[in-house]
mmCIF file of all heavy atoms, coordinates in Angstrom:
data_MODEL
# 
_entry.id   MODEL 
# 
loop_
_atom_site.group_PDB 
_atom_site.id 
_atom_site.type_symbol 
_atom_site.label_atom_id 
_atom_site.label_alt_id 
_atom_site.label_comp_id 
_atom_site.label_asym_id 
_atom_site.label_entity_id 
_atom_site.label_seq_id 
_atom_site.pdbx_PDB_ins_code 
_atom_site.Cartn_x 
_atom_site.Cartn_y 
_atom_site.Cartn_z 
_atom_site.occupancy 
_atom_site.B_iso_or_equiv 
_atom_site.pdbx_formal_charge 
_atom_site.auth_seq_id 
_atom_site.auth_comp_id 
_atom_site.auth_asym_id 
_atom_site.auth_atom_id 
_atom_site.pdbx_PDB_model_num 
ATOM 1   N N   . ALA A 1 1  ? -1.602 28.218 -44.008 1.00 0.00 ? 1  ALA A N   1 
ATOM 2   C CA  . ALA A 1 1  ? -1.677 29.539 -44.640 1.00 0.00 ? 1  ALA A CA  1 
ATOM 3   C C   . ALA A 1 1  ? -0.737 29.634 -45.819 1.00 0.00 ? 1  ALA A C   1 
ATOM 4   O O   . ALA A 1 1  ? -0.323 30.757 -46.198 1.00 0.00 ? 1  ALA A O   1 
ATOM 5   C CB  . ALA A 1 1  ? -1.398 30.642 -43.626 1.00 0.00 ? 1  ALA A CB  1 
ATOM 6   N N   . ILE A 1 2  ? -0.398 28.548 -46.448 1.00 0.00 ? 2  ILE A N   1 
ATOM 7   C CA  . ILE A 1 2  ? 0.589  28.551 -47.532 1.00 0.00 ? 2  ILE A CA  1 
ATOM 8   C C   . ILE A 1 2  ? 0.126  29.448 -48.708 1.00 0.00 ? 2  ILE A C   1 
ATOM 9   O O   . ILE A 1 2  ? 0.933  30.135 -49.340 1.00 0.00 ? 2  ILE A O   1 
ATOM 10  C CB  . ILE A 1 2  ? 0.873  27.123 -48.062 1.00 0.00 ? 2  ILE A CB  1 
ATOM 11  C CG1 . ILE A 1 2  ? 1.986  27.130 -49.079 1.00 0.00 ? 2  ILE A CG1 1 
ATOM 12  C CG2 . ILE A 1 2  ? -0.365 26.443 -48.588 1.00 0.00 ? 2  ILE A CG2 1 
ATOM 13  C CD1 . ILE A 1 2  ? 2.503  25.751 -49.460 1.00 0.00 ? 2  ILE A CD1 1 
ATOM 14  N N   . LEU A 1 3  ? -1.157 29.474 -49.005 1.00 0.00 ? 3  LEU A N   1 
ATOM 15  C CA  . LEU A 1 3  ? -1.638 30.351 -50.085 1.00 0.00 ? 3  LEU A CA  1 
ATOM 16  C C   . LEU A 1 3  ? -1.442 31.805 -49.748 1.00 0.00 ? 3  LEU A C   1 
ATOM 17  O O   . LEU A 1 3  ? -1.118 32.605 -50.637 1.00 0.00 ? 3  LEU A O   1 
ATOM 18  C CB  . LEU A 1 3  ? -3.111 30.028 -50.416 1.00 0.00 ? 3  LEU A CB  1 
ATOM 19  C CG  . LEU A 1 3  ? -3.333 28.622 -50.983 1.00 0.00 ? 3  LEU A CG  1 
ATOM 20  C CD1 . LEU A 1 3  ? -4.836 28.336 -51.015 1.00 0.00 ? 3  LEU A CD1 1 
ATOM 21  C CD2 . LEU A 1 3  ? -2.715 28.480 -52.363 1.00 0.00 ? 3  LEU A CD2 1 
ATOM 22  N N   . ASP A 1 4  ? -1.615 32.170 -48.484 1.00 0.00 ? 4  ASP A N   1 
ATOM 23  C CA  . ASP A 1 4  ? -1.333 33.546 -48.056 1.00 0.00 ? 4  ASP A CA  1 
ATOM 24  C C   . ASP A 1 4  ? 0.149  33.837 -48.195 1.00 0.00 ? 4  ASP A C   1 
ATOM 25  O O   . ASP A 1 4  ? 0.557  34.957 -48.617 1.00 0.00 ? 4  ASP A O   1 
ATOM 26  C CB  . ASP A 1 4  ? -1.779 33.749 -46.621 1.00 0.00 ? 4  ASP A CB  1 
ATOM 27  C CG  . ASP A 1 4  ? -3.271 33.645 -46.449 1.00 0.00 ? 4  ASP A CG  1 
ATOM 28  O OD1 . ASP A 1 4  ? -3.997 33.892 -47.418 1.00 0.00 ? 4  ASP A OD1 1 
ATOM 29  O OD2 . ASP A 1 4  ? -3.716 33.316 -45.319 1.00 0.00 ? 4  ASP A OD2 1 
ATOM 30  N N   . GLY A 1 5  ? 1.013  32.883 -47.830 1.00 0.00 ? 5  GLY A N   1 
ATOM 31  C CA  . GLY A 1 5  ? 2.439  33.067 -47.965 1.00 0.00 ? 5  GLY A CA  1 
ATOM 32  C C   . GLY A 1 5  ? 2.828  33.292 -49.407 1.00 0.00 ? 5  GLY A C   1 
ATOM 33  O O   . GLY A 1 5  ? 3.654  34.161 -49.745 1.00 0.00 ? 5  GLY A O   1 
ATOM 34  N N   . LEU A 1 6  ? 2.232  32.527 -50.325 1.00 0.00 ? 6  LEU A N   1 
ATOM 35  C CA  . LEU A 1 6  ? 2.511  32.703 -51.745 1.00 0.00 ? 6  LEU A CA  1 
ATOM 36  C C   . LEU A 1 6  ? 2.065  34.049 -52.230 1.00 0.00 ? 6  LEU A C   1 
ATOM 37  O O   . LEU A 1 6  ? 2.750  34.743 -52.998 1.00 0.00 ? 6  LEU A O   1 
ATOM 38  C CB  . LEU A 1 6  ? 1.896  31.575 -52.562 1.00 0.00 ? 6  LEU A CB  1 
ATOM 39  C CG  . LEU A 1 6  ? 2.046  31.670 -54.065 1.00 0.00 ? 6  LEU A CG  1 
ATOM 40  C CD1 . LEU A 1 6  ? 3.502  31.628 -54.479 1.00 0.00 ? 6  LEU A CD1 1 
ATOM 41  C CD2 . LEU A 1 6  ? 1.265  30.551 -54.761 1.00 0.00 ? 6  LEU A CD2 1 
ATOM 42  N N   . GLU A 1 7  ? 0.861  34.443 -51.820 1.00 0.00 ? 7  GLU A N   1 
ATOM 43  C CA  . GLU A 1 7  ? 0.327  35.761 -52.276 1.00 0.00 ? 7  GLU A CA  1 
ATOM 44  C C   . GLU A 1 7  ? 1.249  36.884 -51.821 1.00 0.00 ? 7  GLU A C   1 
ATOM 45  O O   . GLU A 1 7  ? 1.459  37.860 -52.561 1.00 0.00 ? 7  GLU A O   1 
ATOM 46  C CB  . GLU A 1 7  ? -1.105 35.956 -51.733 1.00 0.00 ? 7  GLU A CB  1 
ATOM 47  C CG  . GLU A 1 7  ? -2.126 35.089 -52.410 1.00 0.00 ? 7  GLU A CG  1 
ATOM 48  C CD  . GLU A 1 7  ? -2.148 35.243 -53.956 1.00 0.00 ? 7  GLU A CD  1 
ATOM 49  O OE1 . GLU A 1 7  ? -2.002 36.395 -54.436 1.00 0.00 ? 7  GLU A OE1 1 
ATOM 50  O OE2 . GLU A 1 7  ? -2.295 34.227 -54.620 1.00 0.00 ? 7  GLU A OE2 1 
ATOM 51  N N   . GLU A 1 8  ? 1.806  36.805 -50.590 1.00 0.00 ? 8  GLU A N   1 
ATOM 52  C CA  . GLU A 1 8  ? 2.711  37.843 -50.141 1.00 0.00 ? 8  GLU A CA  1 
ATOM 53  C C   . GLU A 1 8  ? 3.948  37.884 -51.063 1.00 0.00 ? 8  GLU A C   1 
ATOM 54  O O   . GLU A 1 8  ? 4.399  38.960 -51.462 1.00 0.00 ? 8  GLU A O   1 
ATOM 55  C CB  . GLU A 1 8  ? 3.143  37.641 -48.702 1.00 0.00 ? 8  GLU A CB  1 
ATOM 56  C CG  . GLU A 1 8  ? 4.057  38.741 -48.218 1.00 0.00 ? 8  GLU A CG  1 
ATOM 57  C CD  . GLU A 1 8  ? 4.649  38.517 -46.848 1.00 0.00 ? 8  GLU A CD  1 
ATOM 58  O OE1 . GLU A 1 8  ? 4.934  37.329 -46.538 1.00 0.00 ? 8  GLU A OE1 1 
ATOM 59  O OE2 . GLU A 1 8  ? 4.852  39.489 -46.108 1.00 0.00 ? 8  GLU A OE2 1 
ATOM 60  N N   . ALA A 1 9  ? 4.508  36.710 -51.358 1.00 0.00 ? 9  ALA A N   1 
ATOM 61  C CA  . ALA A 1 9  ? 5.690  36.683 -52.254 1.00 0.00 ? 9  ALA A CA  1 
ATOM 62  C C   . ALA A 1 9  ? 5.373  37.244 -53.620 1.00 0.00 ? 9  ALA A C   1 
ATOM 63  O O   . ALA A 1 9  ? 6.175  37.970 -54.197 1.00 0.00 ? 9  ALA A O   1 
ATOM 64  C CB  . ALA A 1 9  ? 6.184  35.254 -52.337 1.00 0.00 ? 9  ALA A CB  1 
ATOM 65  N N   . LEU A 1 10 ? 4.196  36.914 -54.162 1.00 0.00 ? 10 LEU A N   1 
ATOM 66  C CA  . LEU A 1 10 ? 3.788  37.454 -55.454 1.00 0.00 ? 10 LEU A CA  1 
ATOM 67  C C   . LEU A 1 10 ? 3.609  38.979 -55.381 1.00 0.00 ? 10 LEU A C   1 
ATOM 68  O O   . LEU A 1 10 ? 4.004  39.707 -56.301 1.00 0.00 ? 10 LEU A O   1 
ATOM 69  C CB  . LEU A 1 10 ? 2.492  36.785 -55.892 1.00 0.00 ? 10 LEU A CB  1 
ATOM 70  C CG  . LEU A 1 10 ? 2.582  35.300 -56.291 1.00 0.00 ? 10 LEU A CG  1 
ATOM 71  C CD1 . LEU A 1 10 ? 1.193  34.709 -56.484 1.00 0.00 ? 10 LEU A CD1 1 
ATOM 72  C CD2 . LEU A 1 10 ? 3.418  35.144 -57.554 1.00 0.00 ? 10 LEU A CD2 1 
ATOM 73  N N   . GLU A 1 11 ? 3.067  39.449 -54.287 1.00 0.00 ? 11 GLU A N   1 
ATOM 74  C CA  . GLU A 1 11 ? 2.856  40.914 -54.119 1.00 0.00 ? 11 GLU A CA  1 
ATOM 75  C C   . GLU A 1 11 ? 4.216  41.625 -54.047 1.00 0.00 ? 11 GLU A C   1 
ATOM 76  O O   . GLU A 1 11 ? 4.409  42.684 -54.692 1.00 0.00 ? 11 GLU A O   1 
ATOM 77  C CB  . GLU A 1 11 ? 2.039  41.207 -52.878 1.00 0.00 ? 11 GLU A CB  1 
ATOM 78  C CG  . GLU A 1 11 ? 1.863  42.708 -52.649 1.00 0.00 ? 11 GLU A CG  1 
ATOM 79  C CD  . GLU A 1 11 ? 1.114  43.043 -51.345 1.00 0.00 ? 11 GLU A CD  1 
ATOM 80  O OE1 . GLU A 1 11 ? 0.571  42.104 -50.738 1.00 0.00 ? 11 GLU A OE1 1 
ATOM 81  O OE2 . GLU A 1 11 ? 1.106  44.236 -50.953 1.00 0.00 ? 11 GLU A OE2 1 
ATOM 82  N N   . ILE A 1 12 ? 5.149  41.090 -53.243 1.00 0.00 ? 12 ILE A N   1 
ATOM 83  C CA  . ILE A 1 12 ? 6.432  41.710 -53.083 1.00 0.00 ? 12 ILE A CA  1 
ATOM 84  C C   . ILE A 1 12 ? 7.138  41.879 -54.439 1.00 0.00 ? 12 ILE A C   1 
ATOM 85  O O   . ILE A 1 12 ? 7.706  42.906 -54.766 1.00 0.00 ? 12 ILE A O   1 
ATOM 86  C CB  . ILE A 1 12 ? 7.319  40.888 -52.103 1.00 0.00 ? 12 ILE A CB  1 
ATOM 87  C CG1 . ILE A 1 12 ? 6.767  41.038 -50.696 1.00 0.00 ? 12 ILE A CG1 1 
ATOM 88  C CG2 . ILE A 1 12 ? 8.788  41.337 -52.151 1.00 0.00 ? 12 ILE A CG2 1 
ATOM 89  C CD1 . ILE A 1 12 ? 7.313  40.033 -49.705 1.00 0.00 ? 12 ILE A CD1 1 
ATOM 90  N N   . THR A 1 13 ? 7.101  40.811 -55.237 1.00 0.00 ? 13 THR A N   1 
ATOM 91  C CA  . THR A 1 13 ? 7.812  40.879 -56.523 1.00 0.00 ? 13 THR A CA  1 
ATOM 92  C C   . THR A 1 13 ? 7.025  41.680 -57.560 1.00 0.00 ? 13 THR A C   1 
ATOM 93  O O   . THR A 1 13 ? 7.646  42.326 -58.417 1.00 0.00 ? 13 THR A O   1 
ATOM 94  C CB  . THR A 1 13 ? 8.112  39.458 -57.021 1.00 0.00 ? 13 THR A CB  1 
ATOM 95  O OG1 . THR A 1 13 ? 6.915  38.636 -56.950 1.00 0.00 ? 13 THR A OG1 1 
ATOM 96  C CG2 . THR A 1 13 ? 9.179  38.787 -56.191 1.00 0.00 ? 13 THR A CG2 1 
ATOM 97  N N   . ALA A 1 14 ? 5.703  41.649 -57.515 1.00 0.00 ? 14 ALA A N   1 
ATOM 98  C CA  . ALA A 1 14 ? 4.936  42.438 -58.474 1.00 0.00 ? 14 ALA A CA  1 
ATOM 99  C C   . ALA A 1 14 ? 5.181  43.954 -58.208 1.00 0.00 ? 14 ALA A C   1 
ATOM 100 O O   . ALA A 1 14 ? 5.314  44.744 -59.135 1.00 0.00 ? 14 ALA A O   1 
ATOM 101 C CB  . ALA A 1 14 ? 3.439  42.085 -58.342 1.00 0.00 ? 14 ALA A CB  1 
ATOM 102 N N   . ARG A 1 15 ? 5.159  44.355 -56.950 1.00 0.00 ? 15 ARG A N   1 
ATOM 103 C CA  . ARG A 1 15 ? 5.326  45.761 -56.618 1.00 0.00 ? 15 ARG A CA  1 
ATOM 104 C C   . ARG A 1 15 ? 6.765  46.229 -56.786 1.00 0.00 ? 15 ARG A C   1 
ATOM 105 O O   . ARG A 1 15 ? 7.009  47.405 -57.143 1.00 0.00 ? 15 ARG A O   1 
ATOM 106 C CB  . ARG A 1 15 ? 4.866  46.016 -55.179 1.00 0.00 ? 15 ARG A CB  1 
ATOM 107 C CG  . ARG A 1 15 ? 3.389  45.890 -54.971 1.00 0.00 ? 15 ARG A CG  1 
ATOM 108 C CD  . ARG A 1 15 ? 3.019  45.939 -53.478 1.00 0.00 ? 15 ARG A CD  1 
ATOM 109 N NE  . ARG A 1 15 ? 3.516  47.159 -52.832 1.00 0.00 ? 15 ARG A NE  1 
ATOM 110 C CZ  . ARG A 1 15 ? 3.459  47.362 -51.498 1.00 0.00 ? 15 ARG A CZ  1 
ATOM 111 N NH1 . ARG A 1 15 ? 2.976  46.377 -50.709 1.00 0.00 ? 15 ARG A NH1 1 
ATOM 112 N NH2 . ARG A 1 15 ? 3.925  48.446 -50.973 1.00 0.00 ? 15 ARG A NH2 1 
ATOM 113 N N   . SER A 1 16 ? 7.723  45.346 -56.568 1.00 0.00 ? 16 SER A N   1 
ATOM 114 C CA  . SER A 1 16 ? 9.139  45.769 -56.647 1.00 0.00 ? 16 SER A CA  1 
ATOM 115 C C   . SER A 1 16 ? 9.762  45.592 -58.003 1.00 0.00 ? 16 SER A C   1 
ATOM 116 O O   . SER A 1 16 ? 10.731 46.276 -58.362 1.00 0.00 ? 16 SER A O   1 
ATOM 117 C CB  . SER A 1 16 ? 9.949  45.020 -55.610 1.00 0.00 ? 16 SER A CB  1 
ATOM 118 O OG  . SER A 1 16 ? 10.031 43.623 -55.945 1.00 0.00 ? 16 SER A OG  1 
ATOM 119 N N   . GLY A 1 17 ? 9.268  44.583 -58.768 1.00 0.00 ? 17 GLY A N   1 
ATOM 120 C CA  . GLY A 1 17 ? 9.866  44.275 -60.058 1.00 0.00 ? 17 GLY A CA  1 
ATOM 121 C C   . GLY A 1 17 ? 10.930 43.191 -60.016 1.00 0.00 ? 17 GLY A C   1 
ATOM 122 O O   . GLY A 1 17 ? 11.519 42.832 -61.024 1.00 0.00 ? 17 GLY A O   1 
ATOM 123 N N   . ALA A 1 18 ? 11.196 42.670 -58.795 1.00 0.00 ? 18 ALA A N   1 
ATOM 124 C CA  . ALA A 1 18 ? 12.169 41.580 -58.688 1.00 0.00 ? 18 ALA A CA  1 
ATOM 125 C C   . ALA A 1 18 ? 11.594 40.267 -59.211 1.00 0.00 ? 18 ALA A C   1 
ATOM 126 O O   . ALA A 1 18 ? 10.374 40.084 -59.208 1.00 0.00 ? 18 ALA A O   1 
ATOM 127 C CB  . ALA A 1 18 ? 12.609 41.438 -57.236 1.00 0.00 ? 18 ALA A CB  1 
ATOM 128 N N   . ARG A 1 19 ? 12.444 39.395 -59.657 1.00 0.00 ? 19 ARG A N   1 
ATOM 129 C CA  . ARG A 1 19 ? 12.021 38.044 -60.023 1.00 0.00 ? 19 ARG A CA  1 
ATOM 130 C C   . ARG A 1 19 ? 11.810 37.219 -58.745 1.00 0.00 ? 19 ARG A C   1 
ATOM 131 O O   . ARG A 1 19 ? 12.336 37.568 -57.708 1.00 0.00 ? 19 ARG A O   1 
ATOM 132 C CB  . ARG A 1 19 ? 13.077 37.396 -60.903 1.00 0.00 ? 19 ARG A CB  1 
ATOM 133 C CG  . ARG A 1 19 ? 13.294 38.155 -62.231 1.00 0.00 ? 19 ARG A CG  1 
ATOM 134 C CD  . ARG A 1 19 ? 14.273 37.433 -63.174 1.00 0.00 ? 19 ARG A CD  1 
ATOM 135 N NE  . ARG A 1 19 ? 15.648 37.544 -62.679 1.00 0.00 ? 19 ARG A NE  1 
ATOM 136 C CZ  . ARG A 1 19 ? 16.537 36.578 -62.757 1.00 0.00 ? 19 ARG A CZ  1 
ATOM 137 N NH1 . ARG A 1 19 ? 16.213 35.383 -63.242 1.00 0.00 ? 19 ARG A NH1 1 
ATOM 138 N NH2 . ARG A 1 19 ? 17.771 36.765 -62.329 1.00 0.00 ? 19 ARG A NH2 1 
ATOM 139 N N   . LEU A 1 20 ? 11.032 36.153 -58.846 1.00 0.00 ? 20 LEU A N   1 
ATOM 140 C CA  . LEU A 1 20 ? 10.655 35.385 -57.644 1.00 0.00 ? 20 LEU A CA  1 
ATOM 141 C C   . LEU A 1 20 ? 11.150 33.956 -57.719 1.00 0.00 ? 20 LEU A C   1 
ATOM 142 O O   . LEU A 1 20 ? 11.032 33.279 -58.750 1.00 0.00 ? 20 LEU A O   1 
ATOM 143 C CB  . LEU A 1 20 ? 9.127  35.370 -57.509 1.00 0.00 ? 20 LEU A CB  1 
ATOM 144 C CG  . LEU A 1 20 ? 8.546  34.526 -56.378 1.00 0.00 ? 20 LEU A CG  1 
ATOM 145 C CD1 . LEU A 1 20 ? 9.064  34.998 -55.010 1.00 0.00 ? 20 LEU A CD1 1 
ATOM 146 C CD2 . LEU A 1 20 ? 7.021  34.561 -56.385 1.00 0.00 ? 20 LEU A CD2 1 
ATOM 147 N N   . HIS A 1 21 ? 11.654 33.510 -56.576 1.00 0.00 ? 21 HIS A N   1 
ATOM 148 C CA  . HIS A 1 21 ? 11.999 32.092 -56.436 1.00 0.00 ? 21 HIS A CA  1 
ATOM 149 C C   . HIS A 1 21 ? 11.539 31.664 -54.999 1.00 0.00 ? 21 HIS A C   1 
ATOM 150 O O   . HIS A 1 21 ? 11.778 32.358 -54.024 1.00 0.00 ? 21 HIS A O   1 
ATOM 151 C CB  . HIS A 1 21 ? 13.534 31.889 -56.511 1.00 0.00 ? 21 HIS A CB  1 
ATOM 152 C CG  . HIS A 1 21 ? 13.976 30.472 -56.434 1.00 0.00 ? 21 HIS A CG  1 
ATOM 153 N ND1 . HIS A 1 21 ? 14.501 29.794 -57.517 1.00 0.00 ? 21 HIS A ND1 1 
ATOM 154 C CD2 . HIS A 1 21 ? 14.016 29.590 -55.403 1.00 0.00 ? 21 HIS A CD2 1 
ATOM 155 C CE1 . HIS A 1 21 ? 14.832 28.572 -57.157 1.00 0.00 ? 21 HIS A CE1 1 
ATOM 156 N NE2 . HIS A 1 21 ? 14.513 28.406 -55.861 1.00 0.00 ? 21 HIS A NE2 1 
ATOM 157 N N   . VAL A 1 22 ? 10.870 30.535 -54.946 1.00 0.00 ? 22 VAL A N   1 
ATOM 158 C CA  . VAL A 1 22 ? 10.375 29.998 -53.695 1.00 0.00 ? 22 VAL A CA  1 
ATOM 159 C C   . VAL A 1 22 ? 11.317 28.904 -53.211 1.00 0.00 ? 22 VAL A C   1 
ATOM 160 O O   . VAL A 1 22 ? 11.530 27.902 -53.901 1.00 0.00 ? 22 VAL A O   1 
ATOM 161 C CB  . VAL A 1 22 ? 8.941  29.435 -53.850 1.00 0.00 ? 22 VAL A CB  1 
ATOM 162 C CG1 . VAL A 1 22 ? 8.477  28.808 -52.526 1.00 0.00 ? 22 VAL A CG1 1 
ATOM 163 C CG2 . VAL A 1 22 ? 7.973  30.537 -54.256 1.00 0.00 ? 22 VAL A CG2 1 
ATOM 164 N N   . TYR A 1 23 ? 11.880 29.099 -52.016 1.00 0.00 ? 23 TYR A N   1 
ATOM 165 C CA  . TYR A 1 23 ? 12.753 28.095 -51.434 1.00 0.00 ? 23 TYR A CA  1 
ATOM 166 C C   . TYR A 1 23 ? 11.951 26.870 -51.026 1.00 0.00 ? 23 TYR A C   1 
ATOM 167 O O   . TYR A 1 23 ? 10.786 26.958 -50.614 1.00 0.00 ? 23 TYR A O   1 
ATOM 168 C CB  . TYR A 1 23 ? 13.384 28.664 -50.154 1.00 0.00 ? 23 TYR A CB  1 
ATOM 169 C CG  . TYR A 1 23 ? 14.720 29.346 -50.313 1.00 0.00 ? 23 TYR A CG  1 
ATOM 170 C CD1 . TYR A 1 23 ? 14.984 30.499 -49.563 1.00 0.00 ? 23 TYR A CD1 1 
ATOM 171 C CD2 . TYR A 1 23 ? 15.725 28.883 -51.138 1.00 0.00 ? 23 TYR A CD2 1 
ATOM 172 C CE1 . TYR A 1 23 ? 16.205 31.158 -49.665 1.00 0.00 ? 23 TYR A CE1 1 
ATOM 173 C CE2 . TYR A 1 23 ? 16.952 29.527 -51.258 1.00 0.00 ? 23 TYR A CE2 1 
ATOM 174 C CZ  . TYR A 1 23 ? 17.186 30.654 -50.498 1.00 0.00 ? 23 TYR A CZ  1 
ATOM 175 O OH  . TYR A 1 23 ? 18.406 31.292 -50.580 1.00 0.00 ? 23 TYR A OH  1 
ATOM 176 N N   . HIS A 1 24 ? 12.562 25.693 -51.115 1.00 0.00 ? 24 HIS A N   1 
ATOM 177 C CA  . HIS A 1 24 ? 12.067 24.398 -50.661 1.00 0.00 ? 24 HIS A CA  1 
ATOM 178 C C   . HIS A 1 24 ? 10.537 24.340 -50.706 1.00 0.00 ? 24 HIS A C   1 
ATOM 179 O O   . HIS A 1 24 ? 9.868  24.214 -49.657 1.00 0.00 ? 24 HIS A O   1 
ATOM 180 C CB  . HIS A 1 24 ? 12.603 23.974 -49.338 1.00 0.00 ? 24 HIS A CB  1 
ATOM 181 C CG  . HIS A 1 24 ? 12.589 25.015 -48.243 1.00 0.00 ? 24 HIS A CG  1 
ATOM 182 N ND1 . HIS A 1 24 ? 11.478 25.752 -47.905 1.00 0.00 ? 24 HIS A ND1 1 
ATOM 183 C CD2 . HIS A 1 24 ? 13.541 25.384 -47.376 1.00 0.00 ? 24 HIS A CD2 1 
ATOM 184 C CE1 . HIS A 1 24 ? 11.761 26.543 -46.892 1.00 0.00 ? 24 HIS A CE1 1 
ATOM 185 N NE2 . HIS A 1 24 ? 13.009 26.329 -46.543 1.00 0.00 ? 24 HIS A NE2 1 
# 
């Protein structure tokens, strides 16, 4: 489900305005 995990991270930062970094 890695693509779902990425989409959640993208949503969190798009809605909040924070910059995004993916660990490991």
